[in-house]
Amino acid sequence: MADTVYVDGTLTTGNNDGTSWDNAYQGANGLQSAIDNHNSSNAVNIYIRNKFTLSAGIDIDKNRVGSVGSNKWLRIIGCDSSGNVLPIGEYVEFDMNNDSSVSYGIKLNAISWDTEIRNIRMHNGYTGKYGISLRGSTSTSRYNYLLNNVKTESIDYGIWVGNTYASNERLYNFMMANCHIEGVIQAVKSNTDNWLLQRVENCFFKTNNSVYPVISDARASYGAWANCIFVGGSYALHNCFAGGPKCFNCTFYNQVDGVIYHQTSSGKYLNISLTNCVFWLGSPTSPIITLSSGGCVGQVEYNASNSTHASKWGGNTPTPVNYTQLTANPFVDAANDDFRIPAGSPLLNSGLPVKGGASVTGYTTIGSWQRKSEIITKARTANFGKMAIIR
């Protein structure tokens, strides 16, 4: 049985105790009060509504919510002004107010188990700050994090994952679904080698510069990236794969140095599966995969790109199957983030039918399935954003 707590960012009346919407925790610090006052022995659903203008980041750590385990979870769920859970594409607004003292919007600091954040929009961060911070601590592994229908805008770093270097400081079973993550510098910044068993579906990632990668150091074992769009950056994914993850029906657009960079030890191989993906490089002479050493193995099939590099797949890669060389931009309107494949394109219905966990069966178009706006508002909600342990 879970506790239910209510928080209203603009409420000024009532008992301010979280027992109902009329008596919800109040104001910009109401969510922090709900977390601080939570009974750590129980699971909790925290429902939030109306705008939050932050004067400090929201800090969630295991000292506040307890060291949770089986059937003991923490969920923060955005609702509309009437208290109904918001649909995908609608959010509760968190304004970081361009305030230098707001270092992050929400920080999950060494939570051990089962944490979900749903239906929030974080924006207007001060220089060098983070929207969502997932931060570990010494000898603390974390399990089952879910970001579902989360949006970041006008923040240097949309998401930061930090302090998870050692084998006992890993982030297991991290999932993102239906998210729109933009970062002025990076969409996702990480200094970890240990995101394990991750799944990223139906997400849009964008950075507004060509110096830094869109996502860095999200190294994962046995993960999957499905129906995602990556825009801008030096690379799309920098040191983001290990152990055999799958990447299918994704679109990569306007990276200048390449799409995937992986630092491998001498003699080691990057094991990756790329299926039904479109790679449209900002510099077509760049490779798709760049390796510091070693080689690349795995499946490379039913992809398309404009890369003219002689070793575009990183070397030692199995011969690509059903590869399409692009000579013209294949999207409806990429300049306005519309990455649909237009009618009449040879990429339509020419890919491999794929199925990955909750993913659709038999979708054969090469590239992501919708343009940016529809990736959020028309997501396949029946199976997206669910993990067995998250209630």
Protein backbone atom coordinates (compact mmCIF):
# COMPACT_ATOMS: atom_id res chain seq x y z
CA MET A 1 0.00 0.00 0.00
CA ALA A 2 1.44 3.33 -1.05
CA ASP A 3 1.11 6.67 0.67
CA THR A 4 -0.46 9.44 -1.41
CA VAL A 5 0.82 12.99 -1.07
CA TYR A 6 -0.34 16.15 -2.88
CA VAL A 7 1.71 19.22 -3.83
CA ASP A 8 0.46 22.44 -5.46
CA GLY A 9 3.05 24.93 -6.69
CA THR A 10 0.75 27.96 -6.46
CA LEU A 11 -1.58 27.12 -3.55
CA THR A 12 -1.65 29.60 -0.63
CA THR A 13 -4.54 28.24 1.48
CA GLY A 14 -5.28 25.05 3.39
CA ASN A 15 -3.32 23.06 5.97
CA ASN A 16 -0.13 22.65 3.91
CA ASP A 17 0.18 19.00 4.95
CA GLY A 18 -0.22 17.12 1.64
CA THR A 19 -3.31 15.13 2.65
CA SER A 20 -5.51 16.40 -0.22
CA TRP A 21 -5.42 18.89 -3.06
CA ASP A 22 -7.15 21.47 -0.83
CA ASN A 23 -4.52 20.91 1.86
CA ALA A 24 -1.58 20.22 -0.46
CA TYR A 25 1.98 21.16 0.34
CA GLN A 26 2.31 24.68 -1.01
CA GLY A 27 4.48 26.83 -3.18
CA ALA A 28 7.88 26.49 -4.76
CA ASN A 29 9.26 24.47 -1.83
CA GLY A 30 6.19 22.26 -1.45
CA LEU A 31 7.70 19.30 -3.24
CA GLN A 32 10.77 19.43 -1.04
CA SER A 33 8.50 19.49 2.02
CA ALA A 34 6.61 16.45 0.74
CA ILE A 35 9.87 14.53 0.32
CA ASP A 36 11.31 15.63 3.67
CA ASN A 37 8.16 14.67 5.56
CA HIS A 38 7.58 11.33 3.85
CA ASN A 39 7.35 8.23 6.02
CA SER A 40 10.36 6.30 4.70
CA SER A 41 8.89 2.88 5.61
CA ASN A 42 6.19 3.14 2.91
CA ALA A 43 6.07 3.58 -0.85
CA VAL A 44 4.79 6.98 -1.91
CA ASN A 45 3.04 8.56 -4.88
CA ILE A 46 3.55 12.33 -4.89
CA TYR A 47 1.07 14.09 -7.18
CA ILE A 48 1.99 17.63 -8.21
CA ARG A 49 0.21 20.40 -10.11
CA ASN A 50 0.58 24.04 -11.20
CA LYS A 51 3.81 25.92 -11.75
CA PHE A 52 6.88 25.70 -9.52
CA THR A 53 9.29 28.64 -9.58
CA LEU A 54 12.39 27.33 -7.87
CA SER A 55 14.65 29.20 -5.49
CA ALA A 56 16.60 26.00 -4.77
CA GLY A 57 16.85 22.58 -6.38
CA ILE A 58 14.63 19.71 -5.25
CA ASP A 59 16.86 17.24 -3.42
CA ILE A 60 15.78 13.60 -3.16
CA ASP A 61 18.20 11.34 -1.29
CA LYS A 62 17.97 8.06 0.56
CA ASN A 63 18.13 9.77 3.94
CA ARG A 64 14.82 11.45 3.14
CA VAL A 65 12.90 8.61 1.49
CA GLY A 66 14.55 5.63 3.10
CA SER A 67 16.53 2.82 1.56
CA VAL A 68 13.62 1.46 -0.42
CA GLY A 69 13.25 -2.02 -1.85
CA SER A 70 10.56 -4.43 -2.99
CA ASN A 71 7.14 -2.75 -3.25
CA LYS A 72 8.54 0.49 -1.86
CA TRP A 73 8.90 3.09 -4.54
CA LEU A 74 8.91 6.86 -5.01
CA ARG A 75 6.92 8.40 -7.84
CA ILE A 76 6.54 12.09 -8.66
CA ILE A 77 3.62 12.49 -11.08
CA GLY A 78 2.53 15.69 -12.81
CA CYS A 79 -1.19 16.49 -12.92
CA ASP A 80 -3.38 19.16 -14.52
CA SER A 81 -5.02 21.94 -12.54
CA SER A 82 -7.99 19.66 -11.78
CA GLY A 83 -5.73 16.98 -10.34
CA ASN A 84 -5.88 14.52 -13.26
CA VAL A 85 -2.68 12.81 -14.34
CA LEU A 86 -1.35 14.60 -17.41
CA PRO A 87 -1.12 12.83 -20.79
CA ILE A 88 2.12 12.49 -22.72
CA GLY A 89 3.14 15.84 -24.18
CA GLU A 90 1.76 17.92 -21.28
CA TYR A 91 3.78 18.92 -18.23
CA VAL A 92 3.94 20.57 -14.84
CA GLU A 93 6.33 23.49 -15.25
CA PHE A 94 9.48 23.87 -13.16
CA ASP A 95 11.08 27.28 -13.78
CA MET A 96 14.70 27.43 -12.58
CA ASN A 97 14.33 31.20 -12.88
CA ASN A 98 17.83 31.71 -14.35
CA ASP A 99 18.98 31.71 -10.72
CA SER A 100 22.65 30.92 -10.04
CA SER A 101 21.73 29.35 -6.69
CA VAL A 102 19.54 26.72 -8.41
CA SER A 103 22.24 24.24 -9.43
CA TYR A 104 19.73 21.63 -10.63
CA GLY A 105 15.98 21.27 -10.94
CA ILE A 106 15.60 17.85 -9.35
CA LYS A 107 18.47 15.75 -7.96
CA LEU A 108 18.09 12.05 -7.26
CA ASN A 109 21.00 11.60 -4.90
CA ALA A 110 21.86 7.95 -4.17
CA ILE A 111 18.27 6.70 -4.16
CA SER A 112 18.68 2.93 -4.03
CA TRP A 113 15.52 1.59 -5.67
CA ASP A 114 12.46 2.25 -7.83
CA THR A 115 12.16 5.96 -8.58
CA GLU A 116 9.98 7.50 -11.30
CA ILE A 117 9.60 11.11 -12.43
CA ARG A 118 6.70 11.74 -14.81
CA ASN A 119 5.15 14.69 -16.64
CA ILE A 120 7.46 17.58 -15.77
CA ARG A 121 9.10 20.34 -17.81
CA MET A 122 12.33 21.87 -16.49
CA HIS A 123 13.60 25.08 -18.09
CA ASN A 124 15.35 28.45 -17.76
CA GLY A 125 18.51 27.28 -16.01
CA TYR A 126 21.49 29.45 -15.13
CA THR A 127 24.81 28.98 -16.97
CA GLY A 128 26.37 25.58 -16.28
CA LYS A 129 23.36 24.09 -14.46
CA TYR A 130 21.41 20.83 -14.84
CA GLY A 131 17.73 20.03 -15.27
CA ILE A 132 17.71 16.50 -13.81
CA SER A 133 20.70 15.24 -11.80
CA LEU A 134 21.13 11.51 -11.14
CA ARG A 135 23.98 11.38 -8.68
CA GLY A 136 25.45 8.44 -6.85
CA SER A 137 27.68 8.22 -3.82
CA THR A 138 30.43 5.94 -2.63
CA SER A 139 29.46 2.24 -2.62
CA THR A 140 25.84 2.92 -3.56
CA SER A 141 24.39 1.25 -6.63
CA ARG A 142 20.99 2.43 -7.82
CA TYR A 143 18.19 0.41 -9.40
CA ASN A 144 15.12 1.09 -11.53
CA TYR A 145 15.07 4.76 -12.43
CA LEU A 146 12.40 5.86 -14.89
CA LEU A 147 12.05 9.27 -16.54
CA ASN A 148 8.72 9.32 -18.38
CA ASN A 149 7.41 12.34 -20.30
CA VAL A 150 10.13 14.65 -19.01
CA LYS A 151 11.16 17.76 -20.96
CA THR A 152 14.16 20.07 -20.51
CA GLU A 153 14.74 23.34 -22.36
CA SER A 154 16.99 26.41 -22.06
CA ILE A 155 19.37 24.59 -19.70
CA ASP A 156 23.05 23.94 -20.41
CA TYR A 157 22.74 20.26 -19.45
CA GLY A 158 19.33 18.58 -19.67
CA ILE A 159 20.36 15.55 -17.59
CA TRP A 160 23.52 14.83 -15.63
CA VAL A 161 24.50 11.35 -14.49
CA GLY A 162 27.44 11.38 -12.12
CA ASN A 163 29.61 9.59 -9.61
CA THR A 164 29.07 5.98 -10.65
CA TYR A 165 32.51 4.71 -11.55
CA ALA A 166 33.03 1.63 -9.41
CA SER A 167 31.29 -1.72 -9.78
CA ASN A 168 29.33 -1.08 -6.59
CA GLU A 169 28.24 2.39 -7.73
CA ARG A 170 26.29 1.48 -10.85
CA LEU A 171 22.96 2.60 -12.24
CA TYR A 172 20.99 -0.54 -13.09
CA ASN A 173 17.84 -0.68 -15.22
CA PHE A 174 17.68 3.00 -16.14
CA MET A 175 14.86 3.81 -18.55
CA MET A 176 13.73 6.89 -20.41
CA ALA A 177 10.48 6.97 -22.35
CA ASN A 178 8.61 9.73 -24.17
CA CYS A 179 11.16 12.37 -23.17
CA HIS A 180 12.23 15.59 -24.91
CA ILE A 181 15.70 16.51 -23.69
CA GLU A 182 17.44 19.61 -25.02
CA GLY A 183 20.67 21.06 -23.67
CA VAL A 184 22.44 24.21 -24.78
CA ILE A 185 25.74 22.36 -24.30
CA GLN A 186 24.66 18.71 -23.93
CA ALA A 187 21.35 16.90 -23.68
CA VAL A 188 22.86 14.29 -21.34
CA LYS A 189 26.22 14.69 -19.61
CA SER A 190 27.73 11.79 -17.71
CA ASN A 191 31.00 10.92 -16.03
CA THR A 192 30.12 7.28 -15.48
CA ASP A 193 31.03 3.99 -17.10
CA ASN A 194 28.19 2.10 -15.52
CA TRP A 195 24.70 2.65 -16.85
CA LEU A 196 23.58 -0.96 -17.09
CA LEU A 197 20.52 -2.60 -18.62
CA GLN A 198 19.19 0.71 -19.90
CA ARG A 199 16.29 1.26 -22.29
CA VAL A 200 15.63 4.53 -24.07
CA GLU A 201 12.50 4.71 -26.21
CA ASN A 202 10.54 7.33 -28.07
CA CYS A 203 12.81 10.21 -27.06
CA PHE A 204 14.13 13.38 -28.69
CA PHE A 205 17.63 14.63 -27.82
CA LYS A 206 19.11 17.88 -29.07
CA THR A 207 22.10 20.08 -28.36
CA ASN A 208 22.67 23.55 -29.78
CA ASN A 209 26.40 23.36 -30.43
CA SER A 210 28.85 21.35 -32.51
CA VAL A 211 31.66 21.11 -29.94
CA TYR A 212 30.21 18.61 -27.42
CA PRO A 213 28.32 15.36 -27.98
CA VAL A 214 24.57 15.12 -27.55
CA ILE A 215 24.99 12.31 -24.99
CA SER A 216 28.28 11.34 -23.34
CA ASP A 217 29.50 8.30 -21.42
CA ALA A 218 26.24 6.39 -21.17
CA ARG A 219 28.01 3.07 -21.41
CA ALA A 220 25.52 0.25 -21.15
CA SER A 221 25.39 -3.49 -21.19
CA TYR A 222 22.41 -5.11 -22.87
CA GLY A 223 20.53 -1.89 -23.52
CA ALA A 224 18.24 -0.74 -26.33
CA TRP A 225 17.66 2.62 -27.97
CA ALA A 226 14.46 2.61 -30.02
CA ASN A 227 12.64 5.29 -32.03
CA CYS A 228 14.88 8.12 -30.86
CA ILE A 229 16.06 11.29 -32.63
CA PHE A 230 19.47 12.86 -31.98
CA VAL A 231 20.13 16.37 -33.32
CA GLY A 232 23.37 18.37 -33.41
CA GLY A 233 26.59 17.96 -31.47
CA SER A 234 30.07 16.78 -32.35
CA TYR A 235 28.84 13.19 -31.96
CA ALA A 236 25.42 11.87 -31.06
CA LEU A 237 26.66 9.17 -28.68
CA HIS A 238 30.15 9.50 -27.17
CA ASN A 239 31.35 6.42 -25.26
CA CYS A 240 27.80 5.18 -24.97
CA PHE A 241 27.93 1.51 -25.88
CA ALA A 242 29.47 -1.66 -24.49
CA GLY A 243 28.36 -5.24 -24.08
CA GLY A 244 25.97 -5.48 -27.01
CA PRO A 245 23.14 -2.91 -26.95
CA LYS A 246 20.70 -2.52 -29.82
CA CYS A 247 19.84 0.69 -31.63
CA PHE A 248 16.91 0.53 -34.03
CA ASN A 249 14.63 2.93 -35.88
CA CYS A 250 16.64 5.93 -34.75
CA THR A 251 17.45 9.13 -36.63
CA PHE A 252 20.79 10.94 -36.26
CA TYR A 253 20.98 14.42 -37.74
CA ASN A 254 23.69 17.06 -38.26
CA GLN A 255 26.54 15.66 -36.16
CA VAL A 256 29.84 17.10 -37.45
CA ASP A 257 32.51 14.60 -36.33
CA GLY A 258 30.53 11.38 -36.57
CA VAL A 259 27.59 9.66 -34.93
CA ILE A 260 29.09 7.16 -32.48
CA TYR A 261 32.49 7.48 -30.80
CA HIS A 262 33.73 4.67 -28.60
CA GLN A 263 36.96 4.46 -26.63
CA THR A 264 38.07 0.83 -26.60
CA SER A 265 41.07 -0.78 -24.97
CA SER A 266 43.68 -2.27 -27.25
CA GLY A 267 42.31 -5.37 -28.97
CA LYS A 268 38.79 -4.85 -27.64
CA TYR A 269 35.72 -4.66 -29.86
CA LEU A 270 32.60 -2.57 -29.77
CA ASN A 271 29.64 -4.96 -30.04
CA ILE A 272 26.63 -3.13 -31.40
CA SER A 273 23.48 -3.71 -33.43
CA LEU A 274 22.27 -0.95 -35.76
CA THR A 275 19.00 -1.59 -37.59
CA ASN A 276 16.62 0.68 -39.54
CA CYS A 277 18.58 3.85 -38.68
CA VAL A 278 19.19 7.03 -40.69
CA PHE A 279 22.52 8.83 -40.27
CA TRP A 280 22.57 12.30 -41.88
CA LEU A 281 25.91 13.85 -40.94
CA GLY A 282 26.60 17.55 -40.91
CA SER A 283 29.96 16.63 -42.43
CA PRO A 284 29.46 13.71 -44.86
CA THR A 285 33.19 12.96 -44.96
CA SER A 286 33.02 11.89 -41.30
CA PRO A 287 32.51 8.23 -40.33
CA ILE A 288 29.42 6.93 -38.60
CA ILE A 289 31.42 4.97 -36.00
CA THR A 290 34.81 6.09 -34.66
CA LEU A 291 36.90 3.80 -32.45
CA SER A 292 40.00 4.77 -30.50
CA SER A 293 41.38 1.27 -31.07
CA GLY A 294 40.16 -2.27 -31.69
CA GLY A 295 37.23 -2.85 -33.99
CA CYS A 296 33.47 -3.05 -34.28
CA VAL A 297 31.38 -6.19 -34.45
CA GLY A 298 27.68 -6.83 -34.49
CA GLN A 299 24.76 -6.43 -36.88
CA VAL A 300 24.58 -3.48 -39.24
CA GLU A 301 21.52 -3.85 -41.45
CA TYR A 302 18.86 -1.83 -43.22
CA ASN A 303 20.47 1.54 -42.50
CA ALA A 304 20.93 4.68 -44.60
CA SER A 305 23.46 7.51 -44.46
CA ASN A 306 25.18 10.29 -46.39
CA SER A 307 28.63 9.36 -45.06
CA THR A 308 31.26 8.96 -47.77
CA HIS A 309 34.02 7.86 -45.38
CA ALA A 310 35.84 4.74 -46.55
CA SER A 311 35.56 3.10 -43.10
CA LYS A 312 32.27 4.59 -42.03
CA TRP A 313 31.40 1.63 -39.76
CA GLY A 314 34.58 1.74 -37.67
CA GLY A 315 36.47 -1.15 -39.21
CA ASN A 316 36.15 -4.92 -38.75
CA THR A 317 32.40 -4.60 -39.05
CA PRO A 318 30.41 -7.31 -40.81
CA THR A 319 29.44 -6.23 -44.30
CA PRO A 320 26.35 -4.00 -43.95
CA VAL A 321 23.16 -5.62 -45.19
CA ASN A 322 20.73 -3.66 -47.38
CA TYR A 323 22.54 -0.36 -46.89
CA THR A 324 21.28 2.79 -48.66
CA GLN A 325 23.68 5.58 -49.62
CA LEU A 326 21.89 8.94 -49.37
CA THR A 327 22.65 11.86 -51.66
CA ALA A 328 19.81 14.15 -50.56
CA ASN A 329 18.32 15.03 -47.18
CA PRO A 330 15.62 12.36 -46.69
CA PHE A 331 13.38 14.19 -44.20
CA VAL A 332 10.21 16.26 -44.60
CA ASP A 333 11.62 19.39 -42.87
CA ALA A 334 14.69 18.71 -40.75
CA ALA A 335 15.37 22.44 -40.23
CA ASN A 336 12.16 22.56 -38.19
CA ASP A 337 12.73 19.19 -36.50
CA ASP A 338 10.31 17.32 -38.73
CA PHE A 339 12.12 14.03 -39.32
CA ARG A 340 9.34 12.10 -40.98
CA ILE A 341 10.21 10.19 -44.11
CA PRO A 342 8.08 11.68 -46.94
CA ALA A 343 5.76 9.78 -49.23
CA GLY A 344 7.58 8.24 -52.14
CA SER A 345 10.89 7.83 -50.31
CA PRO A 346 12.70 4.53 -50.90
CA LEU A 347 13.20 4.35 -47.13
CA LEU A 348 9.49 3.75 -46.56
CA ASN A 349 8.65 0.11 -45.90
CA SER A 350 12.15 -0.98 -46.84
CA GLY A 351 13.53 -1.82 -43.42
CA LEU A 352 13.62 -4.92 -41.31
CA PRO A 353 10.57 -5.77 -39.15
CA VAL A 354 11.81 -5.49 -35.59
CA LYS A 355 10.54 -6.27 -32.14
CA GLY A 356 12.30 -5.27 -28.96
CA GLY A 357 10.50 -5.82 -25.68
CA ALA A 358 7.61 -3.35 -25.67
CA SER A 359 8.38 -2.16 -29.18
CA VAL A 360 6.08 -2.49 -32.14
CA THR A 361 6.23 -5.57 -34.34
CA GLY A 362 6.66 -5.28 -38.08
CA TYR A 363 7.42 -1.56 -38.47
CA THR A 364 9.68 -1.46 -41.49
CA THR A 365 10.39 2.18 -42.38
CA ILE A 366 14.03 3.12 -41.98
CA GLY A 367 14.37 6.00 -39.50
CA SER A 368 12.36 7.12 -36.48
CA TRP A 369 8.59 6.81 -36.66
CA GLN A 370 7.44 10.38 -36.15
CA ARG A 371 8.62 13.97 -36.27
CA LYS A 372 9.70 15.61 -33.03
CA SER A 373 6.31 16.90 -31.90
CA GLU A 374 4.60 13.60 -32.56
CA ILE A 375 7.32 11.63 -30.83
CA ILE A 376 5.92 13.22 -27.68
CA THR A 377 2.20 13.64 -28.30
CA LYS A 378 1.52 10.45 -30.24
CA ALA A 379 3.67 7.99 -28.35
CA ARG A 380 2.53 4.42 -28.02
CA THR A 381 1.52 4.69 -24.39
CA ALA A 382 0.28 1.16 -23.82
CA ASN A 383 3.73 -0.28 -23.16
CA PHE A 384 6.06 2.71 -23.02
CA GLY A 385 7.34 3.93 -19.73
CA LYS A 386 6.73 0.76 -17.76
CA MET A 387 9.04 -1.38 -15.70
CA ALA A 388 7.99 -4.44 -13.78
CA ILE A 389 9.02 -3.05 -10.42
CA ILE A 390 7.64 0.47 -10.88
CA ARG A 391 4.01 0.56 -9.74
